[in-house]
PDB file of N, CA and C in Angstrom:
ATOM      1  N   MET A   1      32.336 -12.432  29.043  1.00  0.00           N
ATOM      2  CA  MET A   1      32.177 -11.235  29.826  1.00  0.00           C
ATOM      3  C   MET A   1      30.915 -10.529  29.565  1.00  0.00           C
ATOM      4  N   SER A   2      30.169 -10.000  30.559  1.00  0.00           N
ATOM      5  CA  SER A   2      28.747  -9.482  30.403  1.00  0.00           C
ATOM      6  C   SER A   2      28.878  -8.053  30.146  1.00  0.00           C
ATOM      7  N   GLY A   3      27.748  -7.580  29.628  1.00  0.00           N
ATOM      8  CA  GLY A   3      27.579  -6.154  29.396  1.00  0.00           C
ATOM      9  C   GLY A   3      27.293  -5.378  30.535  1.00  0.00           C
ATOM     10  N   PRO A   4      27.181  -3.993  30.481  1.00  0.00           N
ATOM     11  CA  PRO A   4      26.784  -3.223  31.699  1.00  0.00           C
ATOM     12  C   PRO A   4      25.343  -3.456  32.330  1.00  0.00           C
ATOM     13  N   MET A   5      24.571  -4.024  31.541  1.00  0.00           N
ATOM     14  CA  MET A   5      23.135  -4.380  32.037  1.00  0.00           C
ATOM     15  C   MET A   5      23.051  -5.823  32.260  1.00  0.00           C
ATOM     16  N   GLY A   6      24.036  -6.560  32.352  1.00  0.00           N
ATOM     17  CA  GLY A   6      24.120  -7.959  32.679  1.00  0.00           C
ATOM     18  C   GLY A   6      23.920  -8.919  31.589  1.00  0.00           C
ATOM     19  N   GLY A   7      23.667  -8.433  30.344  1.00  0.00           N
ATOM     20  CA  GLY A   7      23.475  -9.139  29.184  1.00  0.00           C
ATOM     21  C   GLY A   7      24.787  -9.538  28.509  1.00  0.00           C
ATOM     22  N   THR A   8      24.920 -10.203  27.483  1.00  0.00           N
ATOM     23  CA  THR A   8      26.094 -10.511  26.739  1.00  0.00           C
ATOM     24  C   THR A   8      26.331  -9.500  26.078  1.00  0.00           C
ATOM     25  N   ALA A   9      27.852  -9.129  26.088  1.00  0.00           N
ATOM     26  CA  ALA A   9      28.311  -8.022  25.375  1.00  0.00           C
ATOM     27  C   ALA A   9      28.408  -8.350  23.704  1.00  0.00           C
ATOM     28  N   GLY A  10      27.978  -7.515  23.015  1.00  0.00           N
ATOM     29  CA  GLY A  10      28.136  -7.656  21.520  1.00  0.00           C
ATOM     30  C   GLY A  10      26.827  -8.610  21.083  1.00  0.00           C
ATOM     31  N   ALA A  11      25.891  -8.795  21.836  1.00  0.00           N
ATOM     32  CA  ALA A  11      24.836  -9.709  21.350  1.00  0.00           C
ATOM     33  C   ALA A  11      23.884  -8.989  20.246  1.00  0.00           C
ATOM     34  N   THR A  12      23.433  -9.753  19.360  1.00  0.00           N
ATOM     35  CA  THR A  12      22.811  -9.243  18.349  1.00  0.00           C
ATOM     36  C   THR A  12      21.344  -8.775  18.778  1.00  0.00           C
ATOM     37  N   ARG A  13      20.841  -7.802  17.855  1.00  0.00           N
ATOM     38  CA  ARG A  13      19.501  -7.162  18.362  1.00  0.00           C
ATOM     39  C   ARG A  13      18.501  -8.231  17.957  1.00  0.00           C
ATOM     40  N   VAL A  14      17.388  -8.544  18.836  1.00  0.00           N
ATOM     41  CA  VAL A  14      16.428  -9.484  18.623  1.00  0.00           C
ATOM     42  C   VAL A  14      15.179  -8.750  17.894  1.00  0.00           C
ATOM     43  N   VAL A  15      14.907  -7.662  18.718  1.00  0.00           N
ATOM     44  CA  VAL A  15      13.675  -6.992  18.347  1.00  0.00           C
ATOM     45  C   VAL A  15      13.880  -5.706  17.601  1.00  0.00           C
ATOM     46  N   GLY A  16      12.906  -5.239  16.886  1.00  0.00           N
ATOM     47  CA  GLY A  16      13.026  -3.868  16.194  1.00  0.00           C
ATOM     48  C   GLY A  16      12.736  -4.015  14.639  1.00  0.00           C
ATOM     49  N   LYS A  17      13.930  -3.827  14.051  1.00  0.00           N
ATOM     50  CA  LYS A  17      13.826  -3.601  12.609  1.00  0.00           C
ATOM     51  C   LYS A  17      13.033  -4.532  11.593  1.00  0.00           C
ATOM     52  N   GLY A  18      12.989  -5.717  12.194  1.00  0.00           N
ATOM     53  CA  GLY A  18      12.103  -6.743  11.338  1.00  0.00           C
ATOM     54  C   GLY A  18      12.619  -6.887   9.935  1.00  0.00           C
ATOM     55  N   GLN A  19      11.514  -7.067   9.000  1.00  0.00           N
ATOM     56  CA  GLN A  19      11.968  -7.231   7.657  1.00  0.00           C
ATOM     57  C   GLN A  19      11.571  -6.237   6.767  1.00  0.00           C
ATOM     58  N   ARG A  20      11.822  -5.050   7.148  1.00  0.00           N
ATOM     59  CA  ARG A  20      11.574  -3.767   6.333  1.00  0.00           C
ATOM     60  C   ARG A  20      12.466  -3.771   5.209  1.00  0.00           C
ATOM     61  N   ARG A  21      11.867  -3.413   4.046  1.00  0.00           N
ATOM     62  CA  ARG A  21      12.598  -3.251   2.830  1.00  0.00           C
ATOM     63  C   ARG A  21      13.084  -1.925   2.388  1.00  0.00           C
ATOM     64  N   LEU A  22      12.417  -0.854   2.780  1.00  0.00           N
ATOM     65  CA  LEU A  22      12.902   0.395   2.654  1.00  0.00           C
ATOM     66  C   LEU A  22      13.479   0.716   1.116  1.00  0.00           C
ATOM     67  N   LEU A  23      12.477   0.482   0.105  1.00  0.00           N
ATOM     68  CA  LEU A  23      12.950   0.742  -1.084  1.00  0.00           C
ATOM     69  C   LEU A  23      13.309   2.061  -1.529  1.00  0.00           C
ATOM     70  N   THR A  24      12.968   3.131  -0.584  1.00  0.00           N
ATOM     71  CA  THR A  24      13.232   4.462  -0.982  1.00  0.00           C
ATOM     72  C   THR A  24      14.431   4.989  -0.251  1.00  0.00           C
ATOM     73  N   LYS A  25      15.238   3.953   0.403  1.00  0.00           N
ATOM     74  CA  LYS A  25      16.650   4.299   1.077  1.00  0.00           C
ATOM     75  C   LYS A  25      17.426   4.826  -0.019  1.00  0.00           C
ATOM     76  N   GLY A  26      18.151   5.936   0.388  1.00  0.00           N
ATOM     77  CA  GLY A  26      19.157   6.497  -0.571  1.00  0.00           C
ATOM     78  C   GLY A  26      18.533   7.480  -1.653  1.00  0.00           C
ATOM     79  N   ILE A  27      17.243   7.630  -1.562  1.00  0.00           N
ATOM     80  CA  ILE A  27      16.515   8.464  -2.500  1.00  0.00           C
ATOM     81  C   ILE A  27      16.314   9.890  -1.929  1.00  0.00           C
ATOM     82  N   LYS A  28      16.908  10.882  -2.318  1.00  0.00           N
ATOM     83  CA  LYS A  28      16.866  12.189  -1.613  1.00  0.00           C
ATOM     84  C   LYS A  28      15.509  12.989  -1.783  1.00  0.00           C
ATOM     85  N   MET A  29      15.135  13.557  -0.691  1.00  0.00           N
ATOM     86  CA  MET A  29      13.912  14.332  -0.536  1.00  0.00           C
ATOM     87  C   MET A  29      13.908  15.259  -1.699  1.00  0.00           C
ATOM     88  N   GLY A  30      12.727  15.662  -2.360  1.00  0.00           N
ATOM     89  CA  GLY A  30      12.652  16.415  -3.452  1.00  0.00           C
ATOM     90  C   GLY A  30      12.777  15.712  -4.696  1.00  0.00           C
ATOM     91  N   SER A  31      13.196  14.630  -4.868  1.00  0.00           N
ATOM     92  CA  SER A  31      13.365  13.891  -6.067  1.00  0.00           C
ATOM     93  C   SER A  31      12.127  13.424  -6.658  1.00  0.00           C
ATOM     94  N   TYR A  32      11.927  13.320  -7.896  1.00  0.00           N
ATOM     95  CA  TYR A  32      10.696  12.917  -8.675  1.00  0.00           C
ATOM     96  C   TYR A  32      10.916  11.509  -8.956  1.00  0.00           C
ATOM     97  N   VAL A  33       9.968  10.627  -8.471  1.00  0.00           N
ATOM     98  CA  VAL A  33      10.064   9.360  -8.420  1.00  0.00           C
ATOM     99  C   VAL A  33       8.828   8.610  -9.036  1.00  0.00           C
ATOM    100  N   ALA A  34       9.124   7.563  -9.673  1.00  0.00           N
ATOM    101  CA  ALA A  34       8.058   6.535 -10.035  1.00  0.00           C
ATOM    102  C   ALA A  34       7.944   5.218  -9.041  1.00  0.00           C
ATOM    103  N   ILE A  35       6.732   4.903  -8.635  1.00  0.00           N
ATOM    104  CA  ILE A  35       6.632   3.957  -7.801  1.00  0.00           C
ATOM    105  C   ILE A  35       5.558   2.902  -7.981  1.00  0.00           C
ATOM    106  N   SER A  36       5.713   1.890  -7.920  1.00  0.00           N
ATOM    107  CA  SER A  36       4.759   0.561  -8.127  1.00  0.00           C
ATOM    108  C   SER A  36       4.416   0.078  -6.951  1.00  0.00           C
ATOM    109  N   TYR A  37       3.123   0.258  -6.761  1.00  0.00           N
ATOM    110  CA  TYR A  37       2.511  -0.020  -5.451  1.00  0.00           C
ATOM    111  C   TYR A  37       1.380  -0.980  -5.399  1.00  0.00           C
ATOM    112  N   ARG A  38       1.433  -1.985  -4.625  1.00  0.00           N
ATOM    113  CA  ARG A  38       0.625  -3.152  -4.634  1.00  0.00           C
ATOM    114  C   ARG A  38      -0.069  -3.464  -3.240  1.00  0.00           C
ATOM    115  N   VAL A  39      -1.428  -3.337  -2.984  1.00  0.00           N
ATOM    116  CA  VAL A  39      -1.856  -3.610  -1.761  1.00  0.00           C
ATOM    117  C   VAL A  39      -2.468  -4.989  -1.851  1.00  0.00           C
ATOM    118  N   PRO A  40      -1.986  -5.971  -0.944  1.00  0.00           N
ATOM    119  CA  PRO A  40      -2.744  -7.285  -1.019  1.00  0.00           C
ATOM    120  C   PRO A  40      -4.131  -7.210  -0.628  1.00  0.00           C
ATOM    121  N   ILE A  41      -4.809  -8.341  -1.163  1.00  0.00           N
ATOM    122  CA  ILE A  41      -6.287  -8.471  -0.819  1.00  0.00           C
ATOM    123  C   ILE A  41      -6.343  -8.528   0.865  1.00  0.00           C
ATOM    124  N   LYS A  42      -7.665  -8.149   1.303  1.00  0.00           N
ATOM    125  CA  LYS A  42      -7.850  -8.290   2.704  1.00  0.00           C
ATOM    126  C   LYS A  42      -6.899  -7.575   3.493  1.00  0.00           C
ATOM    127  N   GLN A  43      -6.474  -6.379   3.251  1.00  0.00           N
ATOM    128  CA  GLN A  43      -5.718  -5.493   4.110  1.00  0.00           C
ATOM    129  C   GLN A  43      -6.717  -4.349   4.779  1.00  0.00           C
ATOM    130  N   GLU A  44      -6.138  -3.654   5.810  1.00  0.00           N
ATOM    131  CA  GLU A  44      -6.963  -2.633   6.255  1.00  0.00           C
ATOM    132  C   GLU A  44      -6.690  -1.343   5.518  1.00  0.00           C
ATOM    133  N   VAL A  45      -5.948  -1.550   4.467  1.00  0.00           N
ATOM    134  CA  VAL A  45      -5.730  -0.523   3.650  1.00  0.00           C
ATOM    135  C   VAL A  45      -6.616  -0.436   2.461  1.00  0.00           C
ATOM    136  N   ASP A  46      -6.853   0.655   1.794  1.00  0.00           N
ATOM    137  CA  ASP A  46      -7.714   0.658   0.488  1.00  0.00           C
ATOM    138  C   ASP A  46      -7.274  -0.080  -0.570  1.00  0.00           C
ATOM    139  N   GLU A  47      -7.702  -1.123  -1.156  1.00  0.00           N
ATOM    140  CA  GLU A  47      -7.143  -1.830  -2.224  1.00  0.00           C
ATOM    141  C   GLU A  47      -7.087  -1.112  -3.579  1.00  0.00           C
ATOM    142  N   ASN A  48      -8.059   0.006  -3.649  1.00  0.00           N
ATOM    143  CA  ASN A  48      -7.923   0.755  -4.875  1.00  0.00           C
ATOM    144  C   ASN A  48      -6.695   1.483  -5.015  1.00  0.00           C
ATOM    145  N   ASP A  49      -5.837   1.575  -4.112  1.00  0.00           N
ATOM    146  CA  ASP A  49      -4.709   2.449  -4.157  1.00  0.00           C
ATOM    147  C   ASP A  49      -3.579   1.644  -4.943  1.00  0.00           C
ATOM    148  N   THR A  50      -3.798   0.350  -5.391  1.00  0.00           N
ATOM    149  CA  THR A  50      -2.922  -0.297  -6.128  1.00  0.00           C
ATOM    150  C   THR A  50      -2.655   0.305  -7.508  1.00  0.00           C
ATOM    151  N   GLY A  51      -1.404   0.271  -7.804  1.00  0.00           N
ATOM    152  CA  GLY A  51      -1.174   1.025  -9.043  1.00  0.00           C
ATOM    153  C   GLY A  51       0.238   1.553  -9.405  1.00  0.00           C
ATOM    154  N   HIS A  52       0.384   2.298 -10.302  1.00  0.00           N
ATOM    155  CA  HIS A  52       1.720   3.202 -10.533  1.00  0.00           C
ATOM    156  C   HIS A  52       1.557   4.574 -10.179  1.00  0.00           C
ATOM    157  N   TYR A  53       2.588   5.230  -9.504  1.00  0.00           N
ATOM    158  CA  TYR A  53       2.348   6.480  -9.158  1.00  0.00           C
ATOM    159  C   TYR A  53       3.692   7.270  -9.479  1.00  0.00           C
ATOM    160  N   GLU A  54       3.570   8.581  -9.861  1.00  0.00           N
ATOM    161  CA  GLU A  54       4.696   9.571 -10.076  1.00  0.00           C
ATOM    162  C   GLU A  54       4.290  10.752  -9.180  1.00  0.00           C
ATOM    163  N   GLY A  55       5.520  11.046  -8.595  1.00  0.00           N
ATOM    164  CA  GLY A  55       5.543  12.558  -7.847  1.00  0.00           C
ATOM    165  C   GLY A  55       6.512  12.710  -7.196  1.00  0.00           C
ATOM    166  N   LYS A  56       6.661  13.774  -6.443  1.00  0.00           N
ATOM    167  CA  LYS A  56       7.875  14.354  -5.782  1.00  0.00           C
ATOM    168  C   LYS A  56       7.799  13.899  -4.406  1.00  0.00           C
ATOM    169  N   LEU A  57       8.920  13.438  -4.001  1.00  0.00           N
ATOM    170  CA  LEU A  57       9.102  12.708  -2.551  1.00  0.00           C
ATOM    171  C   LEU A  57       9.300  13.905  -1.476  1.00  0.00           C
ATOM    172  N   CYS A  58       8.326  13.868  -0.737  1.00  0.00           N
ATOM    173  CA  CYS A  58       8.305  15.163   0.131  1.00  0.00           C
ATOM    174  C   CYS A  58       8.426  14.696   1.748  1.00  0.00           C
ATOM    175  N   ASP A  59       8.297  13.387   1.980  1.00  0.00           N
ATOM    176  CA  ASP A  59       8.438  12.817   3.370  1.00  0.00           C
ATOM    177  C   ASP A  59       8.682  11.393   3.415  1.00  0.00           C
ATOM    178  N   LYS A  60       9.566  10.999   4.403  1.00  0.00           N
ATOM    179  CA  LYS A  60       9.728   9.517   4.564  1.00  0.00           C
ATOM    180  C   LYS A  60       9.785   9.396   6.089  1.00  0.00           C
ATOM    181  N   ARG A  61       9.009   8.362   6.514  1.00  0.00           N
ATOM    182  CA  ARG A  61       9.018   7.949   7.971  1.00  0.00           C
ATOM    183  C   ARG A  61       9.266   6.508   8.078  1.00  0.00           C
ATOM    184  N   ILE A  62      10.101   6.383   8.958  1.00  0.00           N
ATOM    185  CA  ILE A  62      10.496   4.924   9.264  1.00  0.00           C
ATOM    186  C   ILE A  62       9.968   4.572  10.843  1.00  0.00           C
ATOM    187  N   GLY A  63       9.188   3.508  10.941  1.00  0.00           N
ATOM    188  CA  GLY A  63       8.476   3.300  12.217  1.00  0.00           C
ATOM    189  C   GLY A  63       9.048   1.909  12.599  1.00  0.00           C
ATOM    190  N   GLY A  64       8.613   1.560  13.683  1.00  0.00           N
ATOM    191  CA  GLY A  64       9.068   0.393  14.465  1.00  0.00           C
ATOM    192  C   GLY A  64       8.676  -1.096  13.826  1.00  0.00           C
ATOM    193  N   GLN A  65       7.513  -1.036  13.001  1.00  0.00           N
ATOM    194  CA  GLN A  65       7.087  -2.141  12.164  1.00  0.00           C
ATOM    195  C   GLN A  65       6.905  -1.792  10.769  1.00  0.00           C
ATOM    196  N   ASP A  66       6.972  -2.648   9.861  1.00  0.00           N
ATOM    197  CA  ASP A  66       7.047  -2.170   8.426  1.00  0.00           C
ATOM    198  C   ASP A  66       5.887  -1.517   8.036  1.00  0.00           C
ATOM    199  N   ARG A  67       4.663  -1.726   8.635  1.00  0.00           N
ATOM    200  CA  ARG A  67       3.665  -0.986   8.148  1.00  0.00           C
ATOM    201  C   ARG A  67       3.377   0.350   8.801  1.00  0.00           C
ATOM    202  N   GLU A  68       4.237   0.694   9.608  1.00  0.00           N
ATOM    203  CA  GLU A  68       4.316   2.073  10.130  1.00  0.00           C
ATOM    204  C   GLU A  68       5.263   3.025   9.438  1.00  0.00           C
ATOM    205  N   SER A  69       6.088   2.309   8.513  1.00  0.00           N
ATOM    206  CA  SER A  69       6.931   3.163   7.582  1.00  0.00           C
ATOM    207  C   SER A  69       6.196   3.603   6.404  1.00  0.00           C
ATOM    208  N   TYR A  70       6.228   4.783   6.046  1.00  0.00           N
ATOM    209  CA  TYR A  70       5.677   5.250   4.708  1.00  0.00           C
ATOM    210  C   TYR A  70       6.399   6.505   4.129  1.00  0.00           C
ATOM    211  N   ILE A  71       6.037   6.819   3.022  1.00  0.00           N
ATOM    212  CA  ILE A  71       6.509   7.864   2.119  1.00  0.00           C
ATOM    213  C   ILE A  71       5.339   8.777   1.865  1.00  0.00           C
ATOM    214  N   GLU A  72       5.517   9.998   1.695  1.00  0.00           N
ATOM    215  CA  GLU A  72       4.450  10.861   1.214  1.00  0.00           C
ATOM    216  C   GLU A  72       5.076  11.588  -0.164  1.00  0.00           C
ATOM    217  N   LEU A  73       4.232  11.507  -1.203  1.00  0.00           N
ATOM    218  CA  LEU A  73       4.394  12.289  -2.396  1.00  0.00           C
ATOM    219  C   LEU A  73       3.572  13.537  -2.580  1.00  0.00           C
ATOM    220  N   LYS A  74       4.189  14.395  -3.335  1.00  0.00           N
ATOM    221  CA  LYS A  74       3.428  15.784  -3.659  1.00  0.00           C
ATOM    222  C   LYS A  74       3.161  15.793  -5.178  1.00  0.00           C
ATOM    223  N   GLU A  75       1.959  16.388  -5.543  1.00  0.00           N
ATOM    224  CA  GLU A  75       1.702  16.481  -6.911  1.00  0.00           C
ATOM    225  C   GLU A  75       1.771  15.169  -7.614  1.00  0.00           C
ATOM    226  N   VAL A  76       0.968  14.187  -7.112  1.00  0.00           N
ATOM    227  CA  VAL A  76       0.979  12.883  -7.549  1.00  0.00           C
ATOM    228  C   VAL A  76       0.249  12.508  -8.772  1.00  0.00           C
ATOM    229  N   LEU A  77       0.688  11.746  -9.740  1.00  0.00           N
ATOM    230  CA  LEU A  77       0.054  11.301 -10.936  1.00  0.00           C
ATOM    231  C   LEU A  77      -0.076   9.744 -10.636  1.00  0.00           C
ATOM    232  N   LYS A  78      -1.413   9.318 -10.924  1.00  0.00           N
ATOM    233  CA  LYS A  78      -1.597   7.874 -10.996  1.00  0.00           C
ATOM    234  C   LYS A  78      -1.538   7.491 -12.450  1.00  0.00           C
ATOM    235  N   VAL A  79      -0.707   6.695 -12.882  1.00  0.00           N
ATOM    236  CA  VAL A  79      -0.444   6.396 -14.187  1.00  0.00           C
ATOM    237  C   VAL A  79      -0.753   4.798 -14.561  1.00  0.00           C
ATOM    238  N   ASP A  80      -1.077   4.554 -15.792  1.00  0.00           N
ATOM    239  CA  ASP A  80      -1.110   3.169 -16.195  1.00  0.00           C
ATOM    240  C   ASP A  80       0.144   2.679 -16.727  1.00  0.00           C
ATOM    241  N   ILE A  81       0.117   1.545 -17.148  1.00  0.00           N
ATOM    242  CA  ILE A  81       1.526   0.953 -17.610  1.00  0.00           C
ATOM    243  C   ILE A  81       2.051   1.639 -18.811  1.00  0.00           C
ATOM    244  N   ASP A  82       1.270   2.310 -19.542  1.00  0.00           N
ATOM    245  CA  ASP A  82       1.737   2.858 -20.898  1.00  0.00           C
ATOM    246  C   ASP A  82       2.223   4.359 -20.436  1.00  0.00           C
ATOM    247  N   GLY A  83       1.805   4.702 -19.281  1.00  0.00           N
ATOM    248  CA  GLY A  83       2.420   6.006 -18.779  1.00  0.00           C
ATOM    249  C   GLY A  83       1.382   7.212 -19.055  1.00  0.00           C
ATOM    250  N   ASN A  84      -0.108   6.679 -19.382  1.00  0.00           N
ATOM    251  CA  ASN A  84      -1.165   7.611 -19.547  1.00  0.00           C
ATOM    252  C   ASN A  84      -1.673   8.000 -18.031  1.00  0.00           C
ATOM    253  N   VAL A  85      -2.007   9.184 -17.890  1.00  0.00           N
ATOM    254  CA  VAL A  85      -2.423   9.721 -16.653  1.00  0.00           C
ATOM    255  C   VAL A  85      -3.922   9.295 -16.328  1.00  0.00           C
ATOM    256  N   LEU A  86      -4.136   8.687 -15.261  1.00  0.00           N
ATOM    257  CA  LEU A  86      -5.402   8.227 -14.949  1.00  0.00           C
ATOM    258  C   LEU A  86      -5.969   9.031 -13.858  1.00  0.00           C
ATOM    259  N   GLY A  87      -5.377   9.810 -12.979  1.00  0.00           N
ATOM    260  CA  GLY A  87      -5.806  10.617 -11.921  1.00  0.00           C
ATOM    261  C   GLY A  87      -4.701  11.532 -11.327  1.00  0.00           C
ATOM    262  N   LYS A  88      -5.151  12.483 -10.726  1.00  0.00           N
ATOM    263  CA  LYS A  88      -4.190  13.416 -10.045  1.00  0.00           C
ATOM    264  C   LYS A  88      -4.567  13.805  -8.648  1.00  0.00           C
ATOM    265  N   GLU A  89      -3.599  13.832  -7.682  1.00  0.00           N
ATOM    266  CA  GLU A  89      -3.931  14.155  -6.297  1.00  0.00           C
ATOM    267  C   GLU A  89      -2.657  15.083  -5.760  1.00  0.00           C
ATOM    268  N   LYS A  90      -3.094  15.913  -4.905  1.00  0.00           N
ATOM    269  CA  LYS A  90      -2.254  16.868  -4.214  1.00  0.00           C
ATOM    270  C   LYS A  90      -1.021  16.144  -3.484  1.00  0.00           C
ATOM    271  N   ASN A  91      -1.575  15.431  -2.661  1.00  0.00           N
ATOM    272  CA  ASN A  91      -0.864  14.472  -1.706  1.00  0.00           C
ATOM    273  C   ASN A  91      -1.250  13.028  -1.645  1.00  0.00           C
ATOM    274  N   LYS A  92      -0.127  12.141  -1.372  1.00  0.00           N
ATOM    275  CA  LYS A  92      -0.445  10.772  -1.341  1.00  0.00           C
ATOM    276  C   LYS A  92       0.434  10.178  -0.490  1.00  0.00           C
ATOM    277  N   ARG A  93       0.002   9.312   0.588  1.00  0.00           N
ATOM    278  CA  ARG A  93       0.788   8.613   1.595  1.00  0.00           C
ATOM    279  C   ARG A  93       0.741   7.028   1.206  1.00  0.00           C
ATOM    280  N   LEU A  94       1.994   6.591   1.029  1.00  0.00           N
ATOM    281  CA  LEU A  94       2.074   5.121   0.580  1.00  0.00           C
ATOM    282  C   LEU A  94       2.822   4.537   1.510  1.00  0.00           C
ATOM    283  N   ILE A  95       2.312   3.181   2.103  1.00  0.00           N
ATOM    284  CA  ILE A  95       3.011   2.436   3.135  1.00  0.00           C
ATOM    285  C   ILE A  95       4.182   1.859   2.400  1.00  0.00           C
ATOM    286  N   ASP A  96       5.160   1.661   3.080  1.00  0.00           N
ATOM    287  CA  ASP A  96       6.406   1.301   2.591  1.00  0.00           C
ATOM    288  C   ASP A  96       6.515  -0.287   2.246  1.00  0.00           C
ATOM    289  N   ALA A  97       5.649  -0.998   3.092  1.00  0.00           N
ATOM    290  CA  ALA A  97       5.465  -2.308   3.131  1.00  0.00           C
ATOM    291  C   ALA A  97       4.988  -2.826   1.640  1.00  0.00           C
ATOM    292  N   PHE A  98       4.027  -2.015   1.059  1.00  0.00           N
ATOM    293  CA  PHE A  98       3.557  -2.295  -0.286  1.00  0.00           C
ATOM    294  C   PHE A  98       3.987  -1.833  -1.319  1.00  0.00           C
ATOM    295  N   ILE A  99       5.248  -1.005  -1.223  1.00  0.00           N
ATOM    296  CA  ILE A  99       5.858  -0.598  -2.323  1.00  0.00           C
ATOM    297  C   ILE A  99       6.701  -1.646  -2.995  1.00  0.00           C
ATOM    298  N   GLU A 100       6.557  -1.935  -4.452  1.00  0.00           N
ATOM    299  CA  GLU A 100       7.307  -2.997  -5.080  1.00  0.00           C
ATOM    300  C   GLU A 100       8.545  -2.427  -5.778  1.00  0.00           C
ATOM    301  N   GLU A 101       8.414  -1.379  -6.223  1.00  0.00           N
ATOM    302  CA  GLU A 101       9.579  -0.684  -7.100  1.00  0.00           C
ATOM    303  C   GLU A 101       9.447   0.759  -6.928  1.00  0.00           C
ATOM    304  N   CYS A 102      10.691   1.382  -6.700  1.00  0.00           N
ATOM    305  CA  CYS A 102      10.771   2.805  -6.606  1.00  0.00           C
ATOM    306  C   CYS A 102      12.159   3.203  -7.264  1.00  0.00           C
ATOM    307  N   LYS A 103      11.992   4.194  -8.347  1.00  0.00           N
ATOM    308  CA  LYS A 103      13.205   4.700  -9.066  1.00  0.00           C
ATOM    309  C   LYS A 103      12.926   6.178  -9.325  1.00  0.00           C
ATOM    310  N   VAL A 104      14.046   6.808  -9.307  1.00  0.00           N
ATOM    311  CA  VAL A 104      14.048   8.321  -9.645  1.00  0.00           C
ATOM    312  C   VAL A 104      13.883   8.406 -11.182  1.00  0.00           C
ATOM    313  N   ILE A 105      13.086   9.485 -11.639  1.00  0.00           N
ATOM    314  CA  ILE A 105      12.659   9.640 -12.920  1.00  0.00           C
ATOM    315  C   ILE A 105      12.773  11.183 -13.261  1.00  0.00           C
ATOM    316  N   GLU A 106      12.782  11.629 -14.561  1.00  0.00           N
ATOM    317  CA  GLU A 106      12.720  12.920 -14.945  1.00  0.00           C
ATOM    318  C   GLU A 106      11.097  13.366 -14.913  1.00  0.00           C
ATOM    319  N   LYS A 107      10.981  14.580 -14.218  1.00  0.00           N
ATOM    320  CA  LYS A 107       9.666  15.064 -14.009  1.00  0.00           C
ATOM    321  C   LYS A 107       9.030  15.497 -15.458  1.00  0.00           C
ATOM    322  N   ARG A 108       7.855  15.139 -15.774  1.00  0.00           N
ATOM    323  CA  ARG A 108       6.988  15.601 -16.911  1.00  0.00           C
ATOM    324  C   ARG A 108       7.402  16.945 -17.314  1.00  0.00           C
ATOM    325  N   ALA A 109       7.357  17.266 -18.561  1.00  0.00           N
ATOM    326  CA  ALA A 109       7.569  18.709 -19.212  1.00  0.00           C
ATOM    327  C   ALA A 109       6.399  19.518 -18.821  1.00  0.00           C
ATOM    328  N   GLU A 110       5.030  18.993 -18.653  1.00  0.00           N
ATOM    329  CA  GLU A 110       3.944  19.951 -18.291  1.00  0.00           C
ATOM    330  C   GLU A 110       3.909  20.077 -16.797  1.00  0.00           C
ATOM    331  N   SER A 111       3.112  21.286 -16.619  1.00  0.00           N
ATOM    332  CA  SER A 111       3.088  21.514 -15.142  1.00  0.00           C
ATOM    333  C   SER A 111       1.980  20.638 -14.587  1.00  0.00           C
ATOM    334  N   PHE A 112       1.764  20.550 -13.230  1.00  0.00           N
ATOM    335  CA  PHE A 112       0.809  19.736 -12.557  1.00  0.00           C
ATOM    336  C   PHE A 112      -0.627  19.993 -13.043  1.00  0.00           C
ATOM    337  N   ASP A 113      -0.835  21.380 -13.187  1.00  0.00           N
ATOM    338  CA  ASP A 113      -2.163  21.935 -13.576  1.00  0.00           C
ATOM    339  C   ASP A 113      -2.527  21.709 -15.032  1.00  0.00           C
ATOM    340  N   GLU A 114      -1.510  21.539 -15.805  1.00  0.00           N
ATOM    341  CA  GLU A 114      -1.645  21.448 -17.335  1.00  0.00           C
ATOM    342  C   GLU A 114      -2.031  19.956 -17.611  1.00  0.00           C
ATOM    343  N   ILE A 115      -1.593  19.104 -16.881  1.00  0.00           N
ATOM    344  CA  ILE A 115      -1.890  17.581 -17.352  1.00  0.00           C
ATOM    345  C   ILE A 115      -3.172  17.128 -17.274  1.00  0.00           C
ATOM    346  N   LYS A 116      -3.658  16.604 -18.343  1.00  0.00           N
ATOM    347  CA  LYS A 116      -5.077  16.341 -18.384  1.00  0.00           C
ATOM    348  C   LYS A 116      -5.131  14.611 -18.071  1.00  0.00           C
ATOM    349  N   THR A 117      -6.063  14.272 -17.454  1.00  0.00           N
ATOM    350  CA  THR A 117      -6.368  12.931 -17.086  1.00  0.00           C
ATOM    351  C   THR A 117      -7.258  12.204 -18.116  1.00  0.00           C
ATOM    352  N   MET A 118      -7.106  10.737 -18.224  1.00  0.00           N
ATOM    353  CA  MET A 118      -7.716   9.949 -19.241  1.00  0.00           C
ATOM    354  C   MET A 118      -9.152   9.614 -18.738  1.00  0.00           C
ATOM    355  N   ALA A 119      -9.366   9.489 -17.424  1.00  0.00           N
ATOM    356  CA  ALA A 119     -10.568   9.058 -16.862  1.00  0.00           C
ATOM    357  C   ALA A 119     -11.512  10.263 -16.936  1.00  0.00           C
TER     358      ALA A 119
END
């Protein structure tokens, strides 16, 4: 039996979602998260963004392709493996395709303005 547009009823979707991983799926807006982010070499995105980040999740967008999907963090701390703060930014947009790990963590005791960077 064919569908209303002449196709096969119940046919599987061929185009669209692709291989999106959406590691932030299920994490609520406003949560404080730790993200491991790695940009492969020779991408159109700045390779210096590779590293570990902590911040408050303030926006999630899902695009038609995996590189159109991104998350945005507020009051972002760039940290090293030991948890030492290397840098601070007010906002940071991270492309979902390059996120390796995302988990909800407790916010640091110090306020954003009190945190000192090592660099």
